[in-house]
Amino acid sequence: MTRSLHSIAQLSPQDLRELLSQSLKNLSSDQIRASSVSALQSRTVSLLFYENSTRTRLSFESAIRALGGIPQSLAISHSSVQKGETLSDTALNLLALGACGFILRHPSPGASRQLTDALKDYPVPVINAGDGYHAHPTQALLDAATLLHHWGLSAEVDLPLRGKTILILGDIRHSRVARSNLELLPRLGAQVLISGPGSLLPSVRELTEFPSIKSVSFPDQMLCEVDAVMVLRLQVERQETGFIPSQSEYRHFWGLTRDRAQLLKNDALILHPGPANPGVEIDPEVMASSQSKILDQVKIGIATRKAVLAWAWGGIA
């Protein structure tokens, strides 16, 4: 049995426990060696990235290799997509060339589900690696795994993040990472706060989908109380002009500056999904601080994506 992953919402409580538990197990070197021959042995997995990526694409490639598979990255800018070939036709041709599933990043919301529908006669997984501003489920899973790992919490209990308060700071309106975390973190028991310019927050209608989420006007109000802050970059590629007066004003009020970071508790964690804009939403000194787990997120991304791939191809490795 194979499974596709489009969003956090589709995952059952059991799925979440399995994926997060396996992510944490994969962090040990013994587990990495033990699972090096498993779910994807000698299978080819195509990476279709219609948008640029560093961390997500490379961590998926590493995860595929660790599970015995063969990553096949299509260079979209040099492919027949430039001649008008559709997503579904591209996928069908790659299946004919031996692919057994797809990792898809695409600018259109819902693209991964649409591809799954187009391939309904082929039992191959499609894993969403980011679709427009809609969802980025594997990023949310690795964010949660990072928090669990650093807090020494088990993913096998109900509500493992109960009692933790997490602030998501920045351009939430345009962030697929934020949306997936708004779906995931409350399901794990966390109290989630959001803060940013009003023009970059979800609409009132959108927030009705997340009734437990609380909005604060400025981060200074809550930084001393939160257990973790997740900083988001300005999604300029998804914005029209006029959302903020200037980047300097944004940094002044909402950036996690060196001075503002000093409001955090000494053991509070700092996350950022990347890529970061140092000096805008976060200062370089903050990124390099002992509280920053940004590079750990990158490392844990491989462990989490290994878990997702094994899950998609029939079971946890």
Protein backbone atom coordinates (compact mmCIF):
# COMPACT_ATOMS: atom_id res chain seq x y z
CA MET A 1 0.00 0.00 0.00
CA THR A 2 1.28 3.47 -0.92
CA ARG A 3 0.08 6.81 0.44
CA SER A 4 0.35 10.42 -0.65
CA LEU A 5 0.92 13.36 1.68
CA HIS A 6 -0.76 16.65 0.82
CA SER A 7 -1.38 18.32 4.17
CA ILE A 8 -1.21 17.86 7.93
CA ALA A 9 -5.01 17.76 8.10
CA GLN A 10 -5.14 14.37 6.36
CA LEU A 11 -2.93 12.69 8.99
CA SER A 12 -4.63 10.70 11.74
CA PRO A 13 -3.39 10.86 15.35
CA GLN A 14 -1.76 7.47 14.77
CA ASP A 15 -0.03 8.74 11.63
CA LEU A 16 1.35 11.71 13.54
CA ARG A 17 2.64 9.54 16.37
CA GLU A 18 4.31 7.15 13.94
CA LEU A 19 5.88 9.86 11.79
CA LEU A 20 7.22 11.91 14.69
CA SER A 21 8.41 8.88 16.64
CA GLN A 22 10.24 7.53 13.61
CA SER A 23 11.74 10.95 12.92
CA LEU A 24 13.24 10.98 16.40
CA LYS A 25 14.48 7.39 16.06
CA ASN A 26 16.11 8.26 12.74
CA LEU A 27 18.29 10.82 14.50
CA SER A 28 20.43 8.07 15.98
CA SER A 29 23.31 6.83 13.83
CA ASP A 30 22.38 3.23 14.57
CA GLN A 31 18.89 3.77 13.22
CA ILE A 32 20.24 5.45 10.10
CA ARG A 33 22.46 2.45 9.39
CA ALA A 34 19.69 0.01 10.21
CA SER A 35 17.26 1.63 7.78
CA SER A 36 19.72 2.13 4.93
CA VAL A 37 18.23 -0.87 3.13
CA SER A 38 14.47 -0.62 3.35
CA ALA A 39 11.41 1.05 1.89
CA LEU A 40 12.87 2.45 -1.33
CA GLN A 41 15.45 -0.18 -2.19
CA SER A 42 16.46 0.42 -5.85
CA ARG A 43 13.35 2.51 -6.55
CA THR A 44 13.50 5.80 -8.45
CA VAL A 45 11.73 8.79 -6.91
CA SER A 46 11.30 11.90 -9.04
CA LEU A 47 11.71 15.34 -7.51
CA LEU A 48 9.61 17.87 -9.41
CA PHE A 49 10.56 21.30 -8.08
CA TYR A 50 8.82 24.07 -10.00
CA GLU A 51 10.14 26.53 -7.42
CA ASN A 52 13.67 27.01 -6.13
CA SER A 53 14.76 25.07 -3.07
CA THR A 54 17.91 24.19 -1.17
CA ARG A 55 17.03 22.54 2.16
CA THR A 56 13.87 20.71 1.12
CA ARG A 57 15.19 19.31 -2.15
CA LEU A 58 18.57 18.23 -0.83
CA SER A 59 17.16 16.70 2.34
CA PHE A 60 14.66 14.68 0.30
CA GLU A 61 17.49 13.53 -1.96
CA SER A 62 19.52 12.48 1.10
CA ALA A 63 16.52 10.71 2.62
CA ILE A 64 15.80 8.80 -0.59
CA ARG A 65 19.41 7.59 -0.77
CA ALA A 66 19.40 6.62 2.90
CA LEU A 67 16.38 4.41 2.23
CA GLY A 68 18.09 2.70 -0.68
CA GLY A 69 16.32 4.67 -3.39
CA ILE A 70 17.50 6.68 -6.39
CA PRO A 71 16.58 10.39 -6.47
CA GLN A 72 15.77 11.76 -9.91
CA SER A 73 15.75 15.57 -9.92
CA LEU A 74 14.20 17.14 -12.99
CA ALA A 75 15.70 20.50 -13.97
CA ILE A 76 12.43 22.28 -14.73
CA SER A 77 14.16 25.21 -16.42
CA HIS A 78 15.73 22.81 -18.95
CA SER A 79 12.77 20.45 -19.35
CA SER A 80 9.82 20.23 -21.72
CA VAL A 81 7.83 22.24 -19.17
CA GLN A 82 9.38 25.25 -20.93
CA LYS A 83 7.67 24.07 -24.12
CA GLY A 84 4.26 23.90 -22.48
CA GLU A 85 4.19 20.32 -21.14
CA THR A 86 1.66 19.98 -18.34
CA LEU A 87 2.43 18.70 -14.85
CA SER A 88 0.43 15.52 -15.39
CA ASP A 89 2.08 14.81 -18.76
CA THR A 90 5.51 15.34 -17.23
CA ALA A 91 4.66 12.91 -14.44
CA LEU A 92 3.29 10.29 -16.83
CA ASN A 93 6.46 10.43 -18.90
CA LEU A 94 8.62 10.06 -15.79
CA LEU A 95 6.54 7.03 -14.76
CA ALA A 96 7.25 5.55 -18.19
CA LEU A 97 10.94 6.16 -17.49
CA GLY A 98 10.76 4.18 -14.27
CA ALA A 99 9.75 6.60 -11.52
CA CYS A 100 7.69 5.10 -8.69
CA GLY A 101 6.57 8.33 -6.99
CA PHE A 102 6.96 12.08 -6.83
CA ILE A 103 8.13 14.82 -4.49
CA LEU A 104 6.41 17.96 -5.78
CA ARG A 105 7.03 21.64 -5.11
CA HIS A 106 4.76 23.89 -7.11
CA PRO A 107 3.55 27.51 -7.02
CA SER A 108 -0.13 26.51 -7.32
CA PRO A 109 -2.06 25.70 -4.12
CA GLY A 110 -3.44 22.18 -4.27
CA ALA A 111 -1.01 21.03 -6.99
CA SER A 112 0.02 17.83 -5.20
CA ARG A 113 -3.57 16.70 -4.74
CA GLN A 114 -4.34 17.55 -8.37
CA LEU A 115 -1.40 15.43 -9.49
CA THR A 116 -2.60 12.53 -7.33
CA ASP A 117 -6.03 12.81 -8.95
CA ALA A 118 -4.45 12.87 -12.42
CA LEU A 119 -2.50 9.70 -11.58
CA LYS A 120 -5.43 7.85 -9.99
CA ASP A 121 -4.82 4.83 -12.19
CA TYR A 122 -1.23 4.57 -10.95
CA PRO A 123 -0.60 3.53 -7.31
CA VAL A 124 2.28 5.95 -6.73
CA PRO A 125 2.74 8.40 -3.85
CA VAL A 126 2.85 12.15 -4.33
CA ILE A 127 4.45 14.07 -1.45
CA ASN A 128 3.81 17.78 -1.15
CA ALA A 129 7.09 19.67 -0.74
CA GLY A 130 5.28 23.01 -0.74
CA ASP A 131 2.36 24.19 -2.89
CA GLY A 132 2.01 27.94 -3.20
CA TYR A 133 0.96 29.51 0.09
CA HIS A 134 -1.17 26.46 0.97
CA ALA A 135 0.86 23.80 2.79
CA HIS A 136 4.31 22.43 3.56
CA PRO A 137 3.57 19.37 5.71
CA THR A 138 7.07 17.91 5.95
CA GLN A 139 8.44 21.26 7.19
CA ALA A 140 5.84 21.36 9.97
CA LEU A 141 6.65 17.77 10.92
CA LEU A 142 10.38 18.50 11.13
CA ASP A 143 9.67 21.66 13.15
CA ALA A 144 7.70 19.61 15.64
CA ALA A 145 10.39 16.92 15.72
CA THR A 146 12.99 19.61 16.44
CA LEU A 147 11.00 20.87 19.41
CA LEU A 148 10.39 17.37 20.76
CA HIS A 149 14.06 16.45 20.35
CA HIS A 150 15.42 19.49 22.16
CA TRP A 151 12.86 19.28 24.93
CA GLY A 152 13.39 15.53 25.38
CA LEU A 153 9.70 14.79 24.81
CA SER A 154 8.18 11.58 23.49
CA ALA A 155 6.04 11.61 20.37
CA GLU A 156 4.28 8.45 21.51
CA VAL A 157 2.14 10.16 24.15
CA ASP A 158 -1.02 12.17 23.62
CA LEU A 159 -0.44 15.93 23.32
CA PRO A 160 3.35 15.82 23.74
CA LEU A 161 3.60 19.63 23.52
CA ARG A 162 1.00 20.27 26.23
CA GLY A 163 2.10 23.19 28.39
CA LYS A 164 4.35 24.71 25.70
CA THR A 165 3.67 28.12 24.14
CA ILE A 166 4.99 28.78 20.65
CA LEU A 167 5.00 32.16 18.88
CA ILE A 168 4.94 32.24 15.06
CA LEU A 169 6.31 35.62 14.02
CA GLY A 170 6.26 37.36 10.67
CA ASP A 171 4.55 36.99 7.30
CA ILE A 172 1.93 34.42 8.19
CA ARG A 173 -0.57 35.36 5.46
CA HIS A 174 1.71 34.14 2.66
CA SER A 175 3.47 31.30 4.49
CA ARG A 176 2.69 27.66 3.74
CA VAL A 177 5.00 26.77 6.64
CA ALA A 178 2.85 28.79 9.02
CA ARG A 179 -0.37 27.21 7.78
CA SER A 180 0.94 23.68 8.25
CA ASN A 181 2.23 24.54 11.73
CA LEU A 182 -1.09 26.14 12.65
CA GLU A 183 -2.67 22.78 11.79
CA LEU A 184 -0.06 20.64 13.53
CA LEU A 185 1.15 22.31 16.73
CA PRO A 186 -2.29 22.66 18.43
CA ARG A 187 -2.95 18.98 17.66
CA LEU A 188 0.18 18.21 19.68
CA GLY A 189 -1.11 20.25 22.62
CA ALA A 190 0.81 23.51 22.13
CA GLN A 191 -0.63 26.96 22.70
CA VAL A 192 0.15 28.85 19.48
CA LEU A 193 0.41 32.62 19.19
CA ILE A 194 0.87 34.63 16.00
CA SER A 195 2.26 38.13 15.56
CA GLY A 196 3.06 40.35 12.61
CA PRO A 197 1.78 43.37 10.71
CA GLY A 198 -1.99 43.24 10.33
CA SER A 199 -1.56 43.18 6.56
CA LEU A 200 0.51 39.98 6.87
CA LEU A 201 -1.77 38.07 9.24
CA PRO A 202 -4.50 35.67 8.10
CA SER A 203 -7.92 37.17 7.56
CA VAL A 204 -10.60 36.89 10.23
CA ARG A 205 -12.32 34.27 8.08
CA GLU A 206 -9.13 32.23 7.77
CA LEU A 207 -8.51 32.38 11.51
CA THR A 208 -11.89 30.75 12.15
CA GLU A 209 -10.25 27.56 10.85
CA PHE A 210 -7.86 27.75 13.83
CA PRO A 211 -10.03 28.67 16.83
CA SER A 212 -7.30 28.02 19.42
CA ILE A 213 -4.80 30.41 17.81
CA LYS A 214 -4.30 33.77 19.56
CA SER A 215 -3.00 36.89 17.82
CA VAL A 216 -0.82 39.51 19.53
CA SER A 217 -0.10 42.88 17.95
CA PHE A 218 3.60 43.07 18.77
CA PRO A 219 6.00 40.28 19.79
CA ASP A 220 7.42 42.22 22.76
CA GLN A 221 4.16 41.52 24.60
CA MET A 222 4.75 37.76 24.74
CA LEU A 223 8.43 36.99 24.10
CA CYS A 224 9.18 36.69 27.81
CA GLU A 225 6.52 33.98 28.17
CA VAL A 226 6.97 31.74 25.13
CA ASP A 227 8.94 28.50 25.04
CA ALA A 228 9.83 28.84 21.35
CA VAL A 229 9.58 31.43 18.60
CA MET A 230 9.33 30.46 14.96
CA VAL A 231 10.47 33.33 12.75
CA LEU A 232 9.23 33.59 9.15
CA ARG A 233 10.74 35.57 6.32
CA LEU A 234 8.87 38.10 4.24
CA GLN A 235 7.41 36.15 1.30
CA VAL A 236 8.09 38.91 -1.21
CA GLU A 237 7.62 36.54 -4.15
CA ARG A 238 3.97 35.97 -3.09
CA GLN A 239 3.13 39.55 -2.15
CA GLU A 240 1.77 42.48 -3.99
CA THR A 241 3.30 45.84 -3.09
CA GLY A 242 2.08 47.82 -0.11
CA PHE A 243 1.86 45.15 2.59
CA ILE A 244 4.53 46.91 4.67
CA PRO A 245 5.88 50.49 4.48
CA SER A 246 9.52 49.34 4.43
CA GLN A 247 11.78 46.50 5.53
CA SER A 248 13.43 48.76 8.11
CA GLU A 249 10.07 49.51 9.71
CA TYR A 250 9.20 45.82 9.65
CA ARG A 251 12.46 45.00 11.44
CA HIS A 252 11.87 47.73 14.01
CA PHE A 253 8.46 46.43 15.08
CA TRP A 254 8.47 42.70 14.27
CA GLY A 255 12.03 41.54 13.60
CA LEU A 256 13.70 39.24 16.10
CA THR A 257 16.54 41.68 16.71
CA ARG A 258 19.41 41.14 19.12
CA ASP A 259 17.73 43.40 21.69
CA ARG A 260 14.32 41.81 21.26
CA ALA A 261 15.76 38.29 21.57
CA GLN A 262 17.04 39.23 25.02
CA LEU A 263 13.40 39.28 26.16
CA LEU A 264 13.22 35.51 25.64
CA LYS A 265 13.61 33.06 28.49
CA ASN A 266 17.12 31.64 28.63
CA ASP A 267 15.91 28.20 27.56
CA ALA A 268 13.51 29.36 24.83
CA LEU A 269 14.21 27.96 21.35
CA ILE A 270 14.48 29.94 18.11
CA LEU A 271 13.42 28.34 14.81
CA HIS A 272 13.37 29.53 11.20
CA PRO A 273 12.42 27.38 8.19
CA GLY A 274 14.83 29.24 5.88
CA PRO A 275 15.95 30.85 3.80
CA ALA A 276 16.52 33.72 6.21
CA ASN A 277 16.99 37.40 5.47
CA PRO A 278 19.53 38.37 8.15
CA GLY A 279 18.96 41.89 9.34
CA VAL A 280 15.29 41.91 8.32
CA GLU A 281 13.15 39.35 10.18
CA ILE A 282 16.05 38.07 12.30
CA ASP A 283 19.48 39.43 13.22
CA PRO A 284 22.62 37.44 12.36
CA GLU A 285 23.64 37.35 16.05
CA VAL A 286 20.32 35.75 16.92
CA MET A 287 20.70 33.13 14.21
CA ALA A 288 24.13 32.21 15.61
CA SER A 289 23.05 32.17 19.27
CA SER A 290 22.94 29.05 21.43
CA GLN A 291 19.15 29.27 21.50
CA SER A 292 18.92 29.05 17.72
CA LYS A 293 18.06 25.58 16.40
CA ILE A 294 17.91 26.65 12.76
CA LEU A 295 20.70 24.37 11.56
CA ASP A 296 19.33 21.55 13.70
CA GLN A 297 16.07 21.90 11.77
CA VAL A 298 18.02 21.24 8.59
CA LYS A 299 19.62 18.09 10.01
CA ILE A 300 16.35 16.83 11.49
CA GLY A 301 14.72 17.47 8.11
CA ILE A 302 16.52 14.43 6.69
CA ALA A 303 15.34 12.21 9.56
CA THR A 304 11.76 13.43 9.19
CA ARG A 305 11.66 13.06 5.44
CA LYS A 306 13.02 9.53 5.77
CA ALA A 307 10.06 8.78 8.03
CA VAL A 308 7.62 10.34 5.55
CA LEU A 309 9.05 8.42 2.60
CA ALA A 310 8.90 5.10 4.42
CA TRP A 311 5.32 5.89 5.53
CA ALA A 312 4.33 6.75 1.95
CA TRP A 313 5.76 3.52 0.57
CA GLY A 314 3.94 1.22 2.92
CA GLY A 315 5.13 1.62 6.47
CA ILE A 316 7.57 3.12 8.91
CA ALA A 317 11.15 1.93 8.34
